[in-house]
Amino acid sequence: MSTLNILICDGLDESGLSVFRSVPGVRVDVPDQLGAEAIKEILPDYDAMIVRSRTKVKADMIATAPRLKVIGRAGTGVDNIEVEAASDRGILVMNTPGANAVAAAEHTMAMMLALARHIPQATQSMREGLWEKKKFMGTELFHQTLGIIGLGKIGSIVADRALAMKMDVLAHDPHIVPEMAAVLGAEYVSLDDLFARSDFITVHTPLTAETRRIINRESLAKTKPGVRVLNCARGGLIDEEALYEFISNGHVAGAALDVFEKEPPAGNPLLGLKQVIFTPHLGASSFQAQENVSRAIASQILDYLQRGLIRNAVNFPSISVKDYDKIRPYLILAERLGHLQGQLCRQIQKLEIVYRGPDFQEIPTQPLTQTVIKGLLDPIMAEKVNLINAPLLLRQRQIELTATTTSESKGFTGEITVRAKSKDEEYSASGTVLPGSEIRLVQLNNYRLEAELEGINLIIQNMDKPGTIGIIGTTLGDYSVNIANMHLSRTRERDKAIAIIRVDNEAPPEAVEALKKHPHIILVKQVKI
């Protein structure tokens, strides 16, 4: 057996290095901060490379490495890896989701305690030779109400820790069923109710169009006087200007921030407020988290190289050579259909997938099912979703899954239908792959059409009345939203119609609200594919 060569580009905790070094036939090299050109020169000799956030793994680098089989990210995000380029070369890309969840949750709790008891301010006061006991009167967390926005893995751990401290916990997450909060011991409430009742508010969601500045002037105005706000998740979840105003006028008693819209936050006016405490994006920075990440990526790399076992993959190279060319466009279609439904339907309880046509008698559908699930969960979860953990995350959210295959067709050799159902709504989307691997949405609910499934799209359902399309175009024009293309369909009864409008730039909330107010318009959804 030939030696397996592993390149560590950005350093790795000793716990992970020892995993590699304990295995015969494995050579691990840890050069000191190589630049991209230096990595390109030596990469052809390696079977695997591990990076953190510093090294950018781009297509030209990947192209120099005919021996490379796997790229490991010692962490969660893979923004610094061109995953599509790796997939094109059949290279597995993996990360370590969840390895730092406890660290991030505990950092949130530490920040909340420090905020409640003025620990950083009191420390600084004593450094200046003062003894100001009365100035730093704090508040207990016992029986205080904590509102958690986002009940994913980290949010759930925060809820567990807060409940252990006898806090009353409210939770809001539009993408889980209320019963999940009850299992944790939290009370599921509306977002407005959470803002109105909470003494502390912490946010643990991904940064999406839906969650960007979810804590803003309007929401802060709904909070009780003396509320405290925390963000140890993503910069951009809080409108920092609004937070500054509400702290300055005394309505918000304080804030604890680990992340910022711009990092480092030089010049941020919040830095000048004594009621706010800060850390420089330390949520995952614990010795244990770094050890966990290091050991996880080392064991995952070895499992793949030595046993073919894939864990925490973020792309999909585990297809046989025979099937890869045929299944690849359907994988793209499956992820986009799932991504569409994840943005259309809230609090999903049932997910149904139907594979229709002769193509699915020849290729495996389980990878497609996992890809649909990944696409569905990606826009609604704070932690990263991959093809391996997607089914588990779906079960954890108590979403019932059914997947069926039929050789019957509706005129296409392969058509995928994804139905998402909640208590109050249901959406059905069908797509196909045209010759040339072109992806098309061919049906949305009961509307037949042929629309590209990519980019930023406005989905508008309206009464089929003359002039409605003109009003839509005029309204978007008023808000400087340029239309790239438009696909229209209507019911056979000609009473309702739908428009799928691809736009060059995201429509602002004001434009969406203006459209919703028109008497002929039934529904407006903006989605990114």
Protein backbone atom coordinates (compact mmCIF):
# COMPACT_ATOMS: atom_id res chain seq x y z
CA MET A 1 0.00 0.00 0.00
CA SER A 2 1.41 3.38 -1.00
CA THR A 3 1.86 6.18 1.54
CA LEU A 4 -1.03 8.57 2.04
CA ASN A 5 0.26 12.14 2.02
CA ILE A 6 -1.69 14.77 3.97
CA LEU A 7 -1.00 18.51 3.64
CA ILE A 8 -2.03 20.79 6.54
CA CYS A 9 -2.14 24.32 5.17
CA ASP A 10 -3.23 26.49 8.10
CA GLY A 11 -2.05 24.56 11.12
CA LEU A 12 -3.97 22.01 13.16
CA ASP A 13 -4.30 21.25 16.84
CA GLU A 14 -1.91 18.57 18.05
CA SER A 15 -4.82 16.25 18.88
CA GLY A 16 -5.60 15.92 15.17
CA LEU A 17 -1.99 15.61 14.12
CA SER A 18 -1.55 12.74 16.58
CA VAL A 19 -4.46 10.91 14.92
CA PHE A 20 -2.63 11.02 11.59
CA ARG A 21 0.75 10.16 13.06
CA SER A 22 -0.59 7.11 14.85
CA VAL A 23 -1.56 5.42 11.59
CA PRO A 24 1.11 3.50 9.62
CA GLY A 25 1.48 4.53 6.00
CA VAL A 26 0.32 8.12 6.58
CA ARG A 27 2.65 11.09 6.17
CA VAL A 28 1.46 14.48 7.41
CA ASP A 29 3.22 17.74 6.52
CA VAL A 30 2.55 21.05 8.28
CA PRO A 31 4.45 23.80 6.44
CA ASP A 32 4.40 27.31 7.85
CA GLN A 33 1.84 29.63 6.20
CA LEU A 34 2.42 28.84 2.56
CA GLY A 35 1.01 31.19 -0.05
CA ALA A 36 -1.17 30.03 -2.92
CA GLU A 37 1.67 29.69 -5.43
CA ALA A 38 3.79 27.66 -3.03
CA ILE A 39 0.86 25.35 -2.34
CA LYS A 40 0.32 24.83 -6.07
CA GLU A 41 3.92 23.71 -6.44
CA ILE A 42 3.73 20.97 -3.83
CA LEU A 43 0.02 19.97 -3.98
CA PRO A 44 0.47 17.38 -6.79
CA ASP A 45 2.19 15.11 -4.23
CA TYR A 46 -0.76 14.97 -1.80
CA ASP A 47 -3.85 12.81 -1.41
CA ALA A 48 -5.58 15.19 1.00
CA MET A 49 -5.34 18.77 2.14
CA ILE A 50 -6.76 20.39 5.25
CA VAL A 51 -7.40 24.12 5.51
CA ARG A 52 -8.98 26.52 7.95
CA SER A 53 -10.07 30.00 6.83
CA ARG A 54 -6.75 31.48 5.65
CA THR A 55 -5.98 29.36 2.58
CA LYS A 56 -8.23 29.97 -0.43
CA VAL A 57 -8.68 26.75 -2.41
CA LYS A 58 -9.55 27.97 -5.89
CA ALA A 59 -10.11 26.16 -9.16
CA ASP A 60 -6.60 26.85 -10.46
CA MET A 61 -5.10 25.34 -7.32
CA ILE A 62 -7.33 22.28 -7.56
CA ALA A 63 -6.35 21.84 -11.20
CA THR A 64 -2.71 21.31 -10.23
CA ALA A 65 -3.50 18.31 -8.01
CA PRO A 66 -4.24 15.11 -9.99
CA ARG A 67 -3.66 12.99 -6.89
CA LEU A 68 -5.91 14.98 -4.55
CA LYS A 69 -8.94 13.01 -3.32
CA VAL A 70 -10.30 15.08 -0.46
CA ILE A 71 -10.22 18.63 0.89
CA GLY A 72 -11.03 18.99 4.57
CA ARG A 73 -12.15 22.21 6.22
CA ALA A 74 -11.26 22.22 9.92
CA GLY A 75 -14.35 24.22 10.78
CA THR A 76 -17.83 24.82 9.45
CA GLY A 77 -17.78 27.32 6.59
CA VAL A 78 -16.37 26.35 3.20
CA ASP A 79 -16.57 29.79 1.59
CA ASN A 80 -12.82 29.68 0.98
CA ILE A 81 -13.10 26.47 -1.09
CA GLU A 82 -14.43 26.40 -4.64
CA VAL A 83 -16.60 23.37 -4.03
CA GLU A 84 -17.96 23.14 -7.56
CA ALA A 85 -14.43 23.01 -8.98
CA ALA A 86 -13.59 20.23 -6.52
CA SER A 87 -16.73 18.33 -7.50
CA ASP A 88 -15.85 18.62 -11.16
CA ARG A 89 -12.57 16.87 -10.35
CA GLY A 90 -14.26 14.21 -8.25
CA ILE A 91 -12.68 15.58 -5.05
CA LEU A 92 -14.62 15.22 -1.82
CA VAL A 93 -15.00 18.36 0.27
CA MET A 94 -15.83 17.86 3.93
CA ASN A 95 -16.18 20.06 7.00
CA THR A 96 -16.81 19.57 10.72
CA PRO A 97 -20.32 20.89 11.48
CA GLY A 98 -21.35 20.95 15.10
CA ALA A 99 -17.87 20.39 16.52
CA ASN A 100 -17.91 23.90 17.99
CA ALA A 101 -21.62 24.16 18.87
CA VAL A 102 -21.07 23.77 22.60
CA ALA A 103 -18.34 26.41 22.53
CA ALA A 104 -20.62 28.88 20.76
CA ALA A 105 -23.51 28.17 23.13
CA GLU A 106 -21.35 28.48 26.24
CA HIS A 107 -19.89 31.72 24.93
CA THR A 108 -23.42 33.05 24.65
CA MET A 109 -24.12 32.10 28.26
CA ALA A 110 -20.84 33.68 29.40
CA MET A 111 -21.70 36.89 27.58
CA MET A 112 -25.18 36.93 29.11
CA LEU A 113 -23.81 36.55 32.65
CA ALA A 114 -21.13 39.17 32.06
CA LEU A 115 -23.77 41.53 30.67
CA ALA A 116 -26.14 40.96 33.59
CA ARG A 117 -23.45 41.55 36.24
CA HIS A 118 -21.35 44.25 34.49
CA ILE A 119 -18.21 42.13 34.82
CA PRO A 120 -16.08 43.79 32.09
CA GLN A 121 -16.98 47.29 33.29
CA ALA A 122 -16.28 46.43 36.93
CA THR A 123 -12.96 44.87 35.97
CA GLN A 124 -11.91 48.03 34.14
CA SER A 125 -13.03 50.18 37.08
CA MET A 126 -10.82 48.22 39.46
CA ARG A 127 -7.87 48.44 37.06
CA GLU A 128 -8.26 52.20 37.40
CA GLY A 129 -7.98 51.90 41.20
CA LEU A 130 -11.69 52.38 41.95
CA TRP A 131 -14.09 50.46 44.19
CA GLU A 132 -17.59 51.20 42.82
CA LYS A 133 -19.91 48.61 44.32
CA LYS A 134 -23.13 50.61 43.92
CA LYS A 135 -22.38 51.61 40.34
CA PHE A 136 -22.38 48.03 39.09
CA MET A 137 -25.57 46.70 40.65
CA GLY A 138 -26.52 43.67 38.51
CA THR A 139 -29.51 41.48 37.78
CA GLU A 140 -29.99 37.77 38.44
CA LEU A 141 -30.86 35.41 35.60
CA PHE A 142 -33.10 33.37 37.93
CA HIS A 143 -36.68 33.58 36.59
CA GLN A 144 -35.69 36.14 33.97
CA THR A 145 -37.17 35.51 30.54
CA LEU A 146 -34.77 34.61 27.73
CA GLY A 147 -36.03 34.88 24.17
CA ILE A 148 -34.15 32.69 21.68
CA ILE A 149 -34.55 33.46 17.98
CA GLY A 150 -33.46 30.35 16.10
CA LEU A 151 -33.71 26.94 17.73
CA GLY A 152 -31.08 25.03 15.77
CA LYS A 153 -28.25 23.11 17.37
CA ILE A 154 -26.63 26.09 19.11
CA GLY A 155 -29.94 27.71 20.05
CA SER A 156 -31.13 24.42 21.53
CA ILE A 157 -27.99 24.13 23.69
CA VAL A 158 -28.47 27.70 24.89
CA ALA A 159 -32.08 26.85 25.80
CA ASP A 160 -30.92 23.79 27.74
CA ARG A 161 -28.32 25.77 29.70
CA ALA A 162 -30.72 28.63 30.41
CA LEU A 163 -33.40 26.27 31.66
CA ALA A 164 -30.85 24.67 33.98
CA MET A 165 -30.32 28.13 35.47
CA LYS A 166 -34.09 28.37 36.04
CA MET A 167 -34.68 31.00 33.39
CA ASP A 168 -38.01 31.09 31.57
CA VAL A 169 -37.27 30.38 27.92
CA LEU A 170 -39.27 31.60 24.93
CA ALA A 171 -38.33 30.39 21.46
CA HIS A 172 -39.19 31.38 17.93
CA ASP A 173 -38.11 29.60 14.77
CA PRO A 174 -40.47 29.68 11.78
CA HIS A 175 -38.90 26.53 10.38
CA ILE A 176 -39.62 24.13 13.23
CA VAL A 177 -42.88 22.85 14.63
CA PRO A 178 -43.84 24.20 18.09
CA GLU A 179 -43.66 20.70 19.58
CA MET A 180 -39.88 20.74 19.18
CA ALA A 181 -39.61 23.71 21.54
CA ALA A 182 -41.86 21.95 24.03
CA VAL A 183 -39.57 18.90 24.02
CA LEU A 184 -36.71 21.16 25.09
CA GLY A 185 -38.83 22.77 27.79
CA ALA A 186 -39.19 26.12 26.02
CA GLU A 187 -42.39 27.95 25.13
CA TYR A 188 -42.87 28.47 21.39
CA VAL A 189 -44.16 31.98 20.68
CA SER A 190 -44.55 34.42 17.83
CA LEU A 191 -41.68 36.78 17.12
CA ASP A 192 -43.72 39.77 18.32
CA ASP A 193 -44.55 37.95 21.56
CA LEU A 194 -40.89 37.08 22.08
CA PHE A 195 -39.86 40.71 21.70
CA ALA A 196 -42.61 41.90 24.05
CA ARG A 197 -41.97 39.44 26.89
CA SER A 198 -38.20 38.86 26.96
CA ASP A 199 -35.73 40.30 29.46
CA PHE A 200 -32.83 38.97 27.38
CA ILE A 201 -32.91 38.28 23.64
CA THR A 202 -30.33 36.14 21.86
CA VAL A 203 -30.27 35.30 18.16
CA HIS A 204 -28.98 32.03 16.65
CA THR A 205 -30.00 31.93 12.99
CA PRO A 206 -28.17 31.90 9.68
CA LEU A 207 -27.84 35.24 7.91
CA THR A 208 -30.42 35.23 5.12
CA ALA A 209 -32.65 37.78 3.44
CA GLU A 210 -35.33 36.77 5.94
CA THR A 211 -33.15 37.13 9.04
CA ARG A 212 -30.94 40.08 8.07
CA ARG A 213 -31.47 42.78 10.72
CA ILE A 214 -34.20 40.72 12.33
CA ILE A 215 -33.53 42.86 15.40
CA ASN A 216 -34.24 46.40 14.14
CA ARG A 217 -35.97 49.63 15.08
CA GLU A 218 -39.44 48.17 14.70
CA SER A 219 -38.69 45.06 16.73
CA LEU A 220 -36.77 46.95 19.44
CA ALA A 221 -39.72 49.29 19.82
CA LYS A 222 -41.82 46.25 20.80
CA THR A 223 -39.48 45.23 23.62
CA LYS A 224 -39.92 46.02 27.28
CA PRO A 225 -37.74 48.78 28.81
CA GLY A 226 -34.49 47.38 30.20
CA VAL A 227 -34.19 44.49 27.73
CA ARG A 228 -30.70 43.19 26.96
CA VAL A 229 -29.64 41.90 23.53
CA LEU A 230 -27.02 39.33 22.52
CA ASN A 231 -25.55 38.24 19.20
CA CYS A 232 -22.95 35.47 19.11
CA ALA A 233 -24.17 34.06 15.79
CA ARG A 234 -23.73 36.18 12.64
CA GLY A 235 -22.95 39.80 11.98
CA GLY A 236 -25.87 41.50 10.25
CA LEU A 237 -28.64 39.93 12.34
CA ILE A 238 -28.90 43.17 14.31
CA ASP A 239 -29.39 46.66 12.90
CA GLU A 240 -26.43 48.18 14.74
CA GLU A 241 -27.55 51.77 14.21
CA ALA A 242 -30.95 50.99 15.71
CA LEU A 243 -29.35 49.18 18.63
CA TYR A 244 -27.11 52.20 19.27
CA GLU A 245 -30.14 54.51 19.34
CA PHE A 246 -32.15 52.32 21.72
CA ILE A 247 -29.23 51.93 24.10
CA SER A 248 -28.48 55.65 23.97
CA ASN A 249 -32.07 56.59 24.82
CA GLY A 250 -32.11 54.09 27.71
CA HIS A 251 -34.74 51.70 26.37
CA VAL A 252 -32.24 48.86 25.90
CA ALA A 253 -30.18 48.32 29.05
CA GLY A 254 -27.23 46.74 27.31
CA ALA A 255 -25.91 44.40 24.65
CA ALA A 256 -23.28 41.69 24.27
CA LEU A 257 -21.81 41.28 20.79
CA ASP A 258 -19.35 38.72 19.48
CA VAL A 259 -20.01 39.40 15.80
CA PHE A 260 -20.51 42.54 13.70
CA GLU A 261 -21.69 43.56 10.26
CA LYS A 262 -18.15 44.72 9.52
CA GLU A 263 -15.24 42.92 11.14
CA PRO A 264 -13.08 44.24 12.69
CA PRO A 265 -15.69 46.88 13.71
CA ALA A 266 -13.38 49.90 13.56
CA GLY A 267 -15.35 53.12 13.97
CA ASN A 268 -18.52 51.36 15.08
CA PRO A 269 -20.31 53.77 17.47
CA LEU A 270 -21.37 50.85 19.67
CA LEU A 271 -17.75 50.58 20.78
CA GLY A 272 -18.18 53.86 22.65
CA LEU A 273 -21.13 52.72 24.76
CA LYS A 274 -20.30 51.51 28.26
CA GLN A 275 -23.50 49.45 28.32
CA VAL A 276 -22.19 47.18 25.56
CA ILE A 277 -19.62 44.40 25.97
CA PHE A 278 -17.69 42.82 23.13
CA THR A 279 -15.52 39.90 22.10
CA PRO A 280 -13.68 39.57 18.76
CA HIS A 281 -15.66 36.70 17.18
CA LEU A 282 -14.64 34.17 19.82
CA GLY A 283 -17.74 31.96 19.76
CA ALA A 284 -15.89 28.88 18.52
CA SER A 285 -12.57 29.75 20.13
CA SER A 286 -12.20 27.27 22.95
CA PHE A 287 -9.41 24.75 23.42
CA GLN A 288 -11.95 21.95 23.43
CA ALA A 289 -13.64 23.17 20.26
CA GLN A 290 -10.32 23.39 18.45
CA GLU A 291 -9.43 19.89 19.66
CA ASN A 292 -12.84 18.59 18.60
CA VAL A 293 -12.51 20.16 15.15
CA SER A 294 -8.97 18.85 14.75
CA ARG A 295 -9.78 15.28 15.75
CA ALA A 296 -12.98 15.28 13.70
CA ILE A 297 -11.36 16.34 10.43
CA ALA A 298 -8.44 13.95 10.91
CA SER A 299 -10.68 10.94 11.52
CA GLN A 300 -12.99 11.90 8.65
CA ILE A 301 -10.08 12.19 6.21
CA LEU A 302 -8.69 8.81 7.25
CA ASP A 303 -12.09 7.12 7.09
CA TYR A 304 -12.55 8.32 3.54
CA LEU A 305 -9.06 7.56 2.26
CA GLN A 306 -8.75 4.16 3.94
CA ARG A 307 -12.32 2.86 4.07
CA GLY A 308 -14.33 4.92 1.62
CA LEU A 309 -16.56 6.07 4.47
CA ILE A 310 -17.91 9.57 3.84
CA ARG A 311 -18.92 11.79 6.74
CA ASN A 312 -19.87 15.47 6.66
CA ALA A 313 -19.49 15.84 2.91
CA VAL A 314 -20.56 19.17 1.45
CA ASN A 315 -20.43 18.07 -2.17
CA PHE A 316 -21.31 14.82 -3.88
CA PRO A 317 -18.50 12.80 -5.43
CA SER A 318 -19.70 9.45 -4.05
CA ILE A 319 -21.38 8.44 -7.29
CA SER A 320 -20.11 5.65 -9.47
CA VAL A 321 -18.36 6.76 -12.65
CA LYS A 322 -21.11 5.01 -14.61
CA ASP A 323 -23.88 7.11 -13.04
CA TYR A 324 -22.13 10.43 -12.45
CA ASP A 325 -22.71 12.17 -15.80
CA LYS A 326 -26.40 11.28 -15.85
CA ILE A 327 -27.22 12.02 -12.24
CA ARG A 328 -25.32 15.30 -11.92
CA PRO A 329 -27.94 17.61 -13.53
CA TYR A 330 -30.68 15.93 -11.47
CA LEU A 331 -28.66 16.63 -8.33
CA ILE A 332 -28.66 20.32 -9.26
CA LEU A 333 -32.41 20.18 -9.93
CA ALA A 334 -33.08 18.36 -6.65
CA GLU A 335 -31.18 20.90 -4.56
CA ARG A 336 -32.86 23.86 -6.24
CA LEU A 337 -36.35 22.41 -5.78
CA GLY A 338 -35.60 21.80 -2.11
CA HIS A 339 -34.13 25.28 -1.75
CA LEU A 340 -37.27 26.75 -3.31
CA GLN A 341 -39.58 24.89 -0.94
CA GLY A 342 -37.45 25.79 2.08
CA GLN A 343 -38.18 29.45 1.32
CA LEU A 344 -41.85 29.06 0.33
CA CYS A 345 -43.26 26.89 3.12
CA ARG A 346 -42.89 27.51 6.88
CA GLN A 347 -43.05 25.04 9.75
CA ILE A 348 -42.94 22.10 7.37
CA GLN A 349 -44.43 18.90 8.74
CA LYS A 350 -44.38 16.66 5.67
CA LEU A 351 -42.01 16.41 2.73
CA GLU A 352 -43.00 14.29 -0.27
CA ILE A 353 -40.68 13.60 -3.19
CA VAL A 354 -41.78 11.84 -6.38
CA TYR A 355 -39.31 10.72 -9.06
CA ARG A 356 -41.19 10.23 -12.31
CA GLY A 357 -39.96 8.86 -15.63
CA PRO A 358 -37.62 6.22 -17.10
CA ASP A 359 -34.41 8.07 -16.11
CA PHE A 360 -35.02 7.15 -12.48
CA GLN A 361 -35.14 3.47 -13.28
CA GLU A 362 -31.44 3.72 -14.19
CA ILE A 363 -29.93 5.98 -11.52
CA PRO A 364 -30.08 5.86 -7.68
CA THR A 365 -32.58 8.22 -6.08
CA GLN A 366 -31.33 8.16 -2.48
CA PRO A 367 -28.57 10.70 -3.26
CA LEU A 368 -31.23 12.87 -4.89
CA THR A 369 -33.46 12.62 -1.83
CA GLN A 370 -30.63 13.71 0.45
CA THR A 371 -29.88 16.56 -1.94
CA VAL A 372 -33.52 17.74 -1.83
CA ILE A 373 -33.38 17.67 1.97
CA LYS A 374 -30.11 19.60 2.01
CA GLY A 375 -31.60 22.24 -0.30
CA LEU A 376 -34.71 22.47 1.87
CA LEU A 377 -32.82 22.94 5.14
CA ASP A 378 -30.00 25.18 3.89
CA PRO A 379 -31.94 28.47 4.00
CA ILE A 380 -33.58 27.79 7.37
CA MET A 381 -30.80 26.49 9.60
CA ALA A 382 -28.00 28.29 11.39
CA GLU A 383 -25.62 25.33 11.25
CA LYS A 384 -24.30 24.07 7.96
CA VAL A 385 -26.24 21.27 6.28
CA ASN A 386 -24.55 18.66 4.14
CA LEU A 387 -25.63 15.57 2.25
CA ILE A 388 -24.74 13.28 5.12
CA ASN A 389 -26.38 15.05 8.05
CA ALA A 390 -29.44 16.33 6.14
CA PRO A 391 -31.70 13.26 6.82
CA LEU A 392 -30.83 13.33 10.53
CA LEU A 393 -31.59 17.04 10.77
CA LEU A 394 -34.90 16.44 8.99
CA ARG A 395 -35.84 13.76 11.54
CA GLN A 396 -34.79 16.01 14.40
CA ARG A 397 -37.29 18.55 13.13
CA GLN A 398 -39.98 15.86 13.08
CA ILE A 399 -40.60 16.35 9.37
CA GLU A 400 -42.19 13.26 7.86
CA LEU A 401 -40.49 12.17 4.62
CA THR A 402 -41.83 10.02 1.81
CA ALA A 403 -40.01 9.38 -1.46
CA THR A 404 -41.48 7.33 -4.31
CA THR A 405 -40.39 6.41 -7.81
CA THR A 406 -42.61 5.67 -10.82
CA SER A 407 -41.78 4.91 -14.44
CA GLU A 408 -44.85 6.85 -15.57
CA SER A 409 -44.06 10.21 -17.12
CA LYS A 410 -45.80 13.45 -18.02
CA GLY A 411 -43.82 14.00 -21.18
CA PHE A 412 -40.34 14.13 -19.64
CA THR A 413 -37.81 11.33 -19.27
CA GLY A 414 -37.20 12.52 -15.73
CA GLU A 415 -39.29 14.81 -13.51
CA ILE A 416 -38.89 15.50 -9.79
CA THR A 417 -41.82 16.75 -7.72
CA VAL A 418 -41.26 18.12 -4.22
CA ARG A 419 -44.27 18.78 -2.00
CA ALA A 420 -43.90 20.60 1.31
CA LYS A 421 -46.81 20.63 3.73
CA SER A 422 -47.38 22.49 6.97
CA LYS A 423 -50.45 22.76 9.14
CA ASP A 424 -51.73 25.75 7.18
CA GLU A 425 -50.20 25.60 3.70
CA GLU A 426 -48.89 23.33 0.97
CA TYR A 427 -46.62 23.93 -1.99
CA SER A 428 -45.83 21.57 -4.85
CA ALA A 429 -42.97 22.21 -7.27
CA SER A 430 -41.92 20.05 -10.21
CA GLY A 431 -38.82 20.35 -12.35
CA THR A 432 -36.99 18.58 -15.11
CA VAL A 433 -33.69 18.56 -16.99
CA LEU A 434 -33.90 19.54 -20.65
CA PRO A 435 -31.36 18.56 -23.32
CA GLY A 436 -28.09 20.34 -22.65
CA SER A 437 -28.60 19.89 -18.90
CA GLU A 438 -30.84 22.96 -18.67
CA ILE A 439 -32.79 23.05 -15.40
CA ARG A 440 -36.45 24.04 -15.60
CA LEU A 441 -39.33 24.51 -13.16
CA VAL A 442 -42.31 23.02 -15.03
CA GLN A 443 -45.07 23.24 -12.44
CA LEU A 444 -45.76 25.22 -9.26
CA ASN A 445 -48.88 24.09 -7.45
CA ASN A 446 -51.49 23.78 -10.21
CA TYR A 447 -49.74 26.17 -12.62
CA ARG A 448 -47.91 24.66 -15.59
CA LEU A 449 -44.96 26.71 -16.86
CA GLU A 450 -41.34 26.56 -17.95
CA ALA A 451 -39.11 28.81 -15.87
CA GLU A 452 -35.40 28.91 -15.10
CA LEU A 453 -34.75 27.76 -11.56
CA GLU A 454 -31.98 30.13 -10.53
CA GLY A 455 -31.21 33.63 -9.33
CA ILE A 456 -33.49 36.01 -7.40
CA ASN A 457 -37.16 35.46 -8.18
CA LEU A 458 -40.43 37.04 -7.15
CA ILE A 459 -43.30 34.57 -7.10
CA ILE A 460 -46.56 36.49 -7.38
CA GLN A 461 -50.02 34.93 -7.39
CA ASN A 462 -52.82 37.24 -8.48
CA MET A 463 -56.38 37.41 -9.71
CA ASP A 464 -56.38 37.09 -13.51
CA LYS A 465 -57.45 40.68 -14.13
CA PRO A 466 -56.34 42.99 -16.95
CA GLY A 467 -53.57 45.41 -16.01
CA THR A 468 -52.18 43.43 -13.08
CA ILE A 469 -48.91 42.59 -14.81
CA GLY A 470 -48.46 46.24 -15.70
CA ILE A 471 -48.95 47.24 -12.09
CA ILE A 472 -46.33 44.69 -11.01
CA GLY A 473 -43.82 46.05 -13.52
CA THR A 474 -44.53 49.66 -12.59
CA THR A 475 -44.21 48.96 -8.87
CA LEU A 476 -40.89 47.20 -9.28
CA GLY A 477 -39.68 50.03 -11.49
CA ASP A 478 -40.63 52.56 -8.83
CA TYR A 479 -38.23 50.77 -6.46
CA SER A 480 -35.45 50.42 -9.08
CA VAL A 481 -35.87 46.66 -9.38
CA ASN A 482 -34.91 45.52 -12.87
CA ILE A 483 -36.77 42.56 -14.38
CA ALA A 484 -34.52 40.03 -16.16
CA ASN A 485 -37.34 37.80 -17.40
CA MET A 486 -40.87 36.77 -16.54
CA HIS A 487 -42.86 33.54 -16.81
CA LEU A 488 -46.65 33.59 -16.60
CA SER A 489 -49.29 30.91 -16.14
CA ARG A 490 -52.92 30.78 -15.15
CA THR A 491 -55.51 28.27 -14.05
CA ARG A 492 -57.75 26.59 -16.57
CA GLU A 493 -60.67 28.47 -15.09
CA ARG A 494 -58.78 31.71 -15.85
CA ASP A 495 -59.62 33.13 -12.44
CA LYS A 496 -56.10 33.18 -11.00
CA ALA A 497 -52.61 33.54 -12.43
CA ILE A 498 -49.01 33.33 -11.33
CA ALA A 499 -45.92 35.25 -12.36
CA ILE A 500 -42.38 34.10 -11.72
CA ILE A 501 -40.23 37.18 -12.19
CA ARG A 502 -36.47 36.90 -12.20
CA VAL A 503 -34.89 40.19 -11.12
CA ASP A 504 -31.36 41.52 -11.34
CA ASN A 505 -31.39 42.86 -7.79
CA GLU A 506 -33.27 41.95 -4.64
CA ALA A 507 -36.59 43.74 -4.22
CA PRO A 508 -36.57 45.78 -0.99
CA PRO A 509 -39.20 44.98 1.65
CA GLU A 510 -41.04 48.18 0.74
CA ALA A 511 -41.52 46.96 -2.83
CA VAL A 512 -42.82 43.59 -1.66
CA GLU A 513 -45.24 45.28 0.73
CA ALA A 514 -46.45 47.63 -2.00
CA LEU A 515 -47.23 44.66 -4.23
CA LYS A 516 -49.05 42.82 -1.44
CA LYS A 517 -51.34 45.80 -0.87
CA HIS A 518 -52.76 45.67 -4.39
CA PRO A 519 -56.30 44.23 -4.30
CA HIS A 520 -55.69 41.84 -7.21
CA ILE A 521 -52.49 40.33 -5.73
CA ILE A 522 -52.93 37.28 -3.49
CA LEU A 523 -49.37 36.33 -2.58
CA VAL A 524 -45.82 37.65 -3.00
CA LYS A 525 -42.73 35.60 -2.13
CA GLN A 526 -39.12 36.49 -2.89
CA VAL A 527 -36.74 33.54 -3.18
CA LYS A 528 -33.08 33.10 -4.00
CA ILE A 529 -31.98 29.99 -5.85
